[in-house]
Structure formats: C-alpha cells, structure tokens
Amino acid sequence: MEIASSSAVTSTAQSDSDRPDETASDGQIVVIRPQVVENIGHVLGNLFQRIYHLIDRSTEGDAGSATDLSGTVRRLEEFLQLVLDYVSPHPPSLQYVPATEVAQSLARQLSDRIGCAVRVDAKVAADGRVLIDPGRLSRGFGLLALQLESVPANGDAIELKAIARPAGRSMIVNVVVPGRFVSPWTSESEMQWSVAEKLLEMHGGALQRKSAPSGEVSWEISLPLQP
C-alpha cells in the first residue's frame, strides 16, 4: 500500500490471494448512543440559532453578516456530514493492509495537522497486517487530527508508538499529545471523536482517550491483526 497523501490511505492492486475471503467479517455497526443523539441536537440547535440571527442582521443591512452566514452554513454542512458518517449503514469495503503502513498513515495526518514531526516507533511484526476499509479508516484518522491544533514550532514532537501484542493478536497504537497541541473540547469535537470511535469499532478495533492534569492527552487505538 502506498500512502499518496495525508488525506487518504490508498492501495496498490492486490492479487486474488491477497484479497479477503468473501466471508470475512464486515465489523459491527455501532448503535446510536443516547449521548450522541443529545449532542447532535445541541450542535444543530446552536447552528440554526446562529443562522437565524445572521439572517436577521442581514435584513437590517449588516454588511458583514453575509460572510459570517456563509461560514456558519459551511460548519452546518460539515457537521451534517459527520452525522451521516455516524449513522451510515453501508458496510465497509475491506482489504488487507500492512499494519506498519496504517501507523504511518496516522502519523502523516497528525503531522500535517500540527505542522511538526510525529515520530513513529513501529514494532509491529514485518508480516503483520490488518483488514480495513482504507477510505473509512483514513476518514477516522482525519477526524482524530482535528482534535489537535497547530502551534508555533519549538522542537516539540508527538510520539506515536505502534506495537503488536501477539497474545491478543492486536495492533496497538499509542499517541501521547502535549497539552499545547490539544484543541478545546467542544460539542463538535466530541461528535468528531464519536465518529472516529465508530469507524474504529466497525473494523473490530477500539479508541480510548485519557487526559492528564497537565493537559496532556493520550489516545490508544487498537485494530485486530490478521493471520
């Protein structure tokens, strides 16, 4: 698999022997959790309230309201796409991908977002591979990257560790994010996280987040390794 850009995980053509069996699991569709439904209602309510307010300002002749309205509608469009990603029933299109390339793809997206290096300590076995939908997993990684913000470089770097746990046949990726890179936790970022979490779960994996008093945040991403 060749990583063509930070916005997508792409793959070279595979031989028939490399393709997953037709009976391979498509992962599990996550049910809509009550807190996610509540969050969707909260964000949509705020966005529509903002739109109505800007329309009123526009009718009163406020010249700057048109630009603000355009930006708010764009935020609404992006949020509705998140909602569709969360409730989408479409099964993933799965293929085998080397585990190390998945870790490198995540590192690239995070690096592009924050504007500094993301070091990868990949200890996944050379023949380790995961069964994923490259486009959907890349979407999840992109949403994780949105949890971060770019800051002036001062030599800091995020440490990303990718390890294999053969006993559990899992690929575990640990990401430790210094507090200065962490974006504020809002209703919209919470929705982004929920979608990323669902996309990992659809691949049989998991996503966890822990915060330290210092502001540092750590993520643990797991995906099942394939035989």
Protein backbone atom coordinates (compact mmCIF):
# COMPACT_ATOMS: atom_id res chain seq x y z
CA MET A 1 0.00 0.00 0.00
CA GLU A 2 1.33 3.39 -0.99
CA ILE A 3 0.40 6.48 1.01
CA ALA A 4 -0.26 9.07 -1.66
CA SER A 5 -1.31 11.91 0.61
CA SER A 6 -2.31 12.69 4.17
CA SER A 7 -5.98 12.78 3.27
CA ALA A 8 -6.29 9.21 2.08
CA VAL A 9 -4.97 5.73 2.59
CA THR A 10 -4.59 4.17 -0.84
CA SER A 11 -3.59 0.73 -2.01
CA THR A 12 -1.83 -0.81 -4.96
CA ALA A 13 -3.58 -3.60 -6.83
CA GLN A 14 -3.79 -6.88 -4.98
CA SER A 15 -3.61 -10.40 -6.27
CA ASP A 16 -6.53 -12.73 -5.66
CA SER A 17 -4.59 -14.44 -2.88
CA ASP A 18 -4.23 -11.12 -1.03
CA ARG A 19 -7.92 -10.31 -1.09
CA PRO A 20 -10.01 -11.08 1.99
CA ASP A 21 -12.34 -14.04 1.88
CA GLU A 22 -15.93 -13.17 1.00
CA THR A 23 -16.98 -14.48 4.39
CA ALA A 24 -14.72 -12.06 6.29
CA SER A 25 -16.47 -10.02 8.95
CA ASP A 26 -17.57 -6.53 7.94
CA GLY A 27 -17.26 -5.31 11.54
CA GLN A 28 -20.15 -4.19 13.67
CA ILE A 29 -22.35 -1.15 13.16
CA VAL A 30 -22.40 0.83 16.39
CA VAL A 31 -25.84 1.70 17.75
CA ILE A 32 -26.57 5.40 18.21
CA ARG A 33 -25.75 6.18 21.82
CA PRO A 34 -28.13 8.49 23.72
CA GLN A 35 -25.36 10.99 24.50
CA VAL A 36 -24.54 11.23 20.79
CA VAL A 37 -28.19 11.97 19.94
CA GLU A 38 -28.22 14.65 22.63
CA ASN A 39 -25.01 16.14 21.29
CA ILE A 40 -26.37 16.22 17.73
CA GLY A 41 -29.44 18.11 18.90
CA HIS A 42 -27.34 20.57 20.89
CA VAL A 43 -24.99 21.40 18.00
CA LEU A 44 -27.76 21.67 15.41
CA GLY A 45 -29.77 23.91 17.72
CA ASN A 46 -26.81 26.27 18.16
CA LEU A 47 -26.01 26.36 14.46
CA PHE A 48 -29.59 27.10 13.37
CA GLN A 49 -29.94 29.75 16.07
CA ARG A 50 -26.78 31.36 14.72
CA ILE A 51 -28.09 31.20 11.14
CA TYR A 52 -31.41 32.83 12.06
CA HIS A 53 -29.56 35.56 13.96
CA LEU A 54 -27.32 36.30 10.96
CA ILE A 55 -30.31 36.38 8.61
CA ASP A 56 -31.93 39.00 10.85
CA ARG A 57 -28.71 41.04 10.82
CA SER A 58 -28.57 40.78 7.02
CA THR A 59 -32.10 42.10 6.61
CA GLU A 60 -31.13 45.04 8.80
CA GLY A 61 -28.33 45.91 6.38
CA ASP A 62 -25.33 44.49 8.26
CA ALA A 63 -22.72 44.14 5.51
CA GLY A 64 -20.55 41.67 7.43
CA SER A 65 -23.34 39.23 8.17
CA ALA A 66 -23.15 37.59 4.72
CA THR A 67 -19.60 36.37 5.34
CA ASP A 68 -20.49 35.15 8.82
CA LEU A 69 -23.57 33.41 7.45
CA SER A 70 -21.52 31.65 4.77
CA GLY A 71 -19.08 30.37 7.36
CA THR A 72 -21.87 29.13 9.63
CA VAL A 73 -23.60 27.30 6.78
CA ARG A 74 -20.28 25.65 5.94
CA ARG A 75 -19.96 24.50 9.57
CA LEU A 76 -23.52 23.13 9.36
CA GLU A 77 -22.66 21.24 6.18
CA GLU A 78 -19.55 19.73 7.78
CA PHE A 79 -21.49 18.73 10.88
CA LEU A 80 -24.27 17.10 8.85
CA GLN A 81 -21.59 15.07 7.05
CA LEU A 82 -20.36 13.92 10.47
CA VAL A 83 -23.87 12.83 11.38
CA LEU A 84 -24.15 10.90 8.11
CA ASP A 85 -20.81 9.24 8.82
CA TYR A 86 -22.10 8.17 12.20
CA VAL A 87 -25.45 6.74 11.10
CA SER A 88 -24.31 5.39 7.71
CA PRO A 89 -25.33 1.73 7.40
CA HIS A 90 -23.05 0.98 4.44
CA PRO A 91 -20.72 -1.95 5.14
CA PRO A 92 -17.01 -1.25 4.74
CA SER A 93 -15.09 -2.47 1.68
CA LEU A 94 -12.31 -4.45 3.34
CA GLN A 95 -8.81 -5.30 2.19
CA TYR A 96 -5.58 -6.45 3.77
CA VAL A 97 -3.05 -3.69 4.51
CA PRO A 98 0.34 -3.92 6.28
CA ALA A 99 -0.04 -2.74 9.87
CA THR A 100 3.06 -0.55 9.69
CA GLU A 101 1.56 1.42 6.79
CA VAL A 102 -1.58 2.10 8.81
CA ALA A 103 0.55 3.55 11.63
CA GLN A 104 2.50 5.67 9.13
CA SER A 105 -0.74 6.98 7.61
CA LEU A 106 -1.97 8.12 11.03
CA ALA A 107 1.37 9.79 11.74
CA ARG A 108 1.24 11.66 8.42
CA GLN A 109 -2.24 13.04 9.06
CA LEU A 110 -1.36 14.18 12.57
CA SER A 111 1.89 15.75 11.36
CA ASP A 112 0.16 17.68 8.59
CA ARG A 113 -2.39 18.98 11.07
CA ILE A 114 0.00 20.26 13.75
CA GLY A 115 2.85 21.29 11.46
CA CYS A 116 5.61 19.37 13.23
CA ALA A 117 7.07 15.89 13.38
CA VAL A 118 5.17 12.87 14.59
CA ARG A 119 7.70 10.19 15.49
CA VAL A 120 6.70 6.61 14.81
CA ASP A 121 8.13 3.78 16.87
CA ALA A 122 6.70 0.87 14.92
CA LYS A 123 7.31 -2.55 16.40
CA VAL A 124 4.61 -4.35 14.51
CA ALA A 125 5.85 -7.60 13.01
CA ALA A 126 7.01 -7.20 9.43
CA ASP A 127 4.29 -9.57 8.23
CA GLY A 128 1.56 -8.09 10.42
CA ARG A 129 -1.49 -6.92 8.55
CA VAL A 130 -4.94 -5.60 9.30
CA LEU A 131 -8.25 -5.93 7.46
CA ILE A 132 -9.59 -2.43 6.82
CA ASP A 133 -11.55 -0.15 4.55
CA PRO A 134 -8.71 2.31 3.71
CA GLY A 135 -11.01 5.21 2.90
CA ARG A 136 -13.09 4.90 6.05
CA LEU A 137 -10.14 4.38 8.34
CA SER A 138 -8.42 7.38 6.77
CA ARG A 139 -11.56 9.42 7.48
CA GLY A 140 -11.35 8.36 11.13
CA PHE A 141 -7.70 9.36 11.34
CA GLY A 142 -8.54 12.73 9.79
CA LEU A 143 -11.17 13.33 12.47
CA LEU A 144 -8.62 12.47 15.16
CA ALA A 145 -6.26 15.02 13.61
CA LEU A 146 -8.97 17.67 14.01
CA GLN A 147 -8.68 17.16 17.78
CA LEU A 148 -5.30 18.91 17.51
CA GLU A 149 -4.23 22.42 16.58
CA SER A 150 -1.09 23.81 15.03
CA VAL A 151 1.18 25.89 17.27
CA PRO A 152 4.50 27.65 16.61
CA ALA A 153 7.24 25.04 16.38
CA ASN A 154 9.69 24.93 19.28
CA GLY A 155 11.17 21.48 18.84
CA ASP A 156 8.21 19.60 20.26
CA ALA A 157 7.05 16.43 18.59
CA ILE A 158 4.26 13.98 19.20
CA GLU A 159 5.36 10.46 20.00
CA LEU A 160 3.39 7.74 18.29
CA LYS A 161 4.14 4.16 19.32
CA ALA A 162 2.81 1.24 17.30
CA ILE A 163 3.27 -2.16 18.88
CA ALA A 164 1.97 -5.68 18.32
CA ARG A 165 0.55 -7.81 21.07
CA PRO A 166 0.68 -11.31 19.58
CA ALA A 167 -1.15 -12.91 22.51
CA GLY A 168 -4.23 -10.84 21.77
CA ARG A 169 -3.43 -10.58 18.07
CA SER A 170 -3.92 -6.82 18.24
CA MET A 171 -2.11 -3.84 16.80
CA ILE A 172 -1.98 -1.15 19.49
CA VAL A 173 -1.11 2.45 18.58
CA ASN A 174 -0.43 4.81 21.48
CA VAL A 175 -0.35 8.55 20.80
CA VAL A 176 0.77 11.00 23.50
CA VAL A 177 -0.22 14.60 22.74
CA PRO A 178 1.34 17.51 24.68
CA GLY A 179 -1.29 19.87 26.04
CA ARG A 180 -0.21 22.74 23.80
CA PHE A 181 -1.44 20.80 20.73
CA VAL A 182 -4.84 19.84 22.16
CA SER A 183 -7.84 21.72 20.78
CA PRO A 184 -10.63 22.76 23.18
CA TRP A 185 -13.19 20.01 23.77
CA THR A 186 -16.47 21.23 22.24
CA SER A 187 -19.73 19.61 21.17
CA GLU A 188 -18.47 19.49 17.59
CA SER A 189 -15.12 17.94 18.53
CA GLU A 190 -16.99 15.43 20.68
CA MET A 191 -19.00 14.44 17.60
CA GLN A 192 -15.81 14.12 15.57
CA TRP A 193 -14.43 11.81 18.23
CA SER A 194 -17.65 9.74 18.27
CA VAL A 195 -17.45 9.20 14.51
CA ALA A 196 -13.76 8.26 14.68
CA GLU A 197 -14.57 5.84 17.50
CA LYS A 198 -17.36 4.25 15.48
CA LEU A 199 -15.14 3.84 12.42
CA LEU A 200 -12.53 2.02 14.52
CA GLU A 201 -15.21 -0.21 16.04
CA MET A 202 -16.53 -1.08 12.58
CA HIS A 203 -13.09 -2.57 11.92
CA GLY A 204 -13.21 -4.63 15.11
CA GLY A 205 -10.98 -2.12 16.90
CA ALA A 206 -11.33 0.42 19.67
CA LEU A 207 -10.43 4.02 20.53
CA GLN A 208 -9.76 5.38 24.01
CA ARG A 209 -8.82 8.82 25.32
CA LYS A 210 -7.23 9.78 28.63
CA SER A 211 -6.47 13.28 29.92
CA ALA A 212 -3.79 14.19 32.45
CA PRO A 213 -3.92 17.17 34.89
CA SER A 214 -1.04 18.70 32.92
CA GLY A 215 -3.29 18.97 29.87
CA GLU A 216 -1.53 16.12 28.10
CA VAL A 217 -3.83 13.74 26.25
CA SER A 218 -3.16 10.13 25.31
CA TRP A 219 -5.01 8.03 22.77
CA GLU A 220 -4.99 4.27 22.37
CA ILE A 221 -6.04 2.89 19.01
CA SER A 222 -6.36 -0.84 18.52
CA LEU A 223 -7.04 -2.97 15.45
CA PRO A 224 -7.07 -6.77 15.23
CA LEU A 225 -4.11 -8.30 13.42
CA GLN A 226 -4.97 -10.84 10.75
CA PRO A 227 -3.32 -14.27 10.37
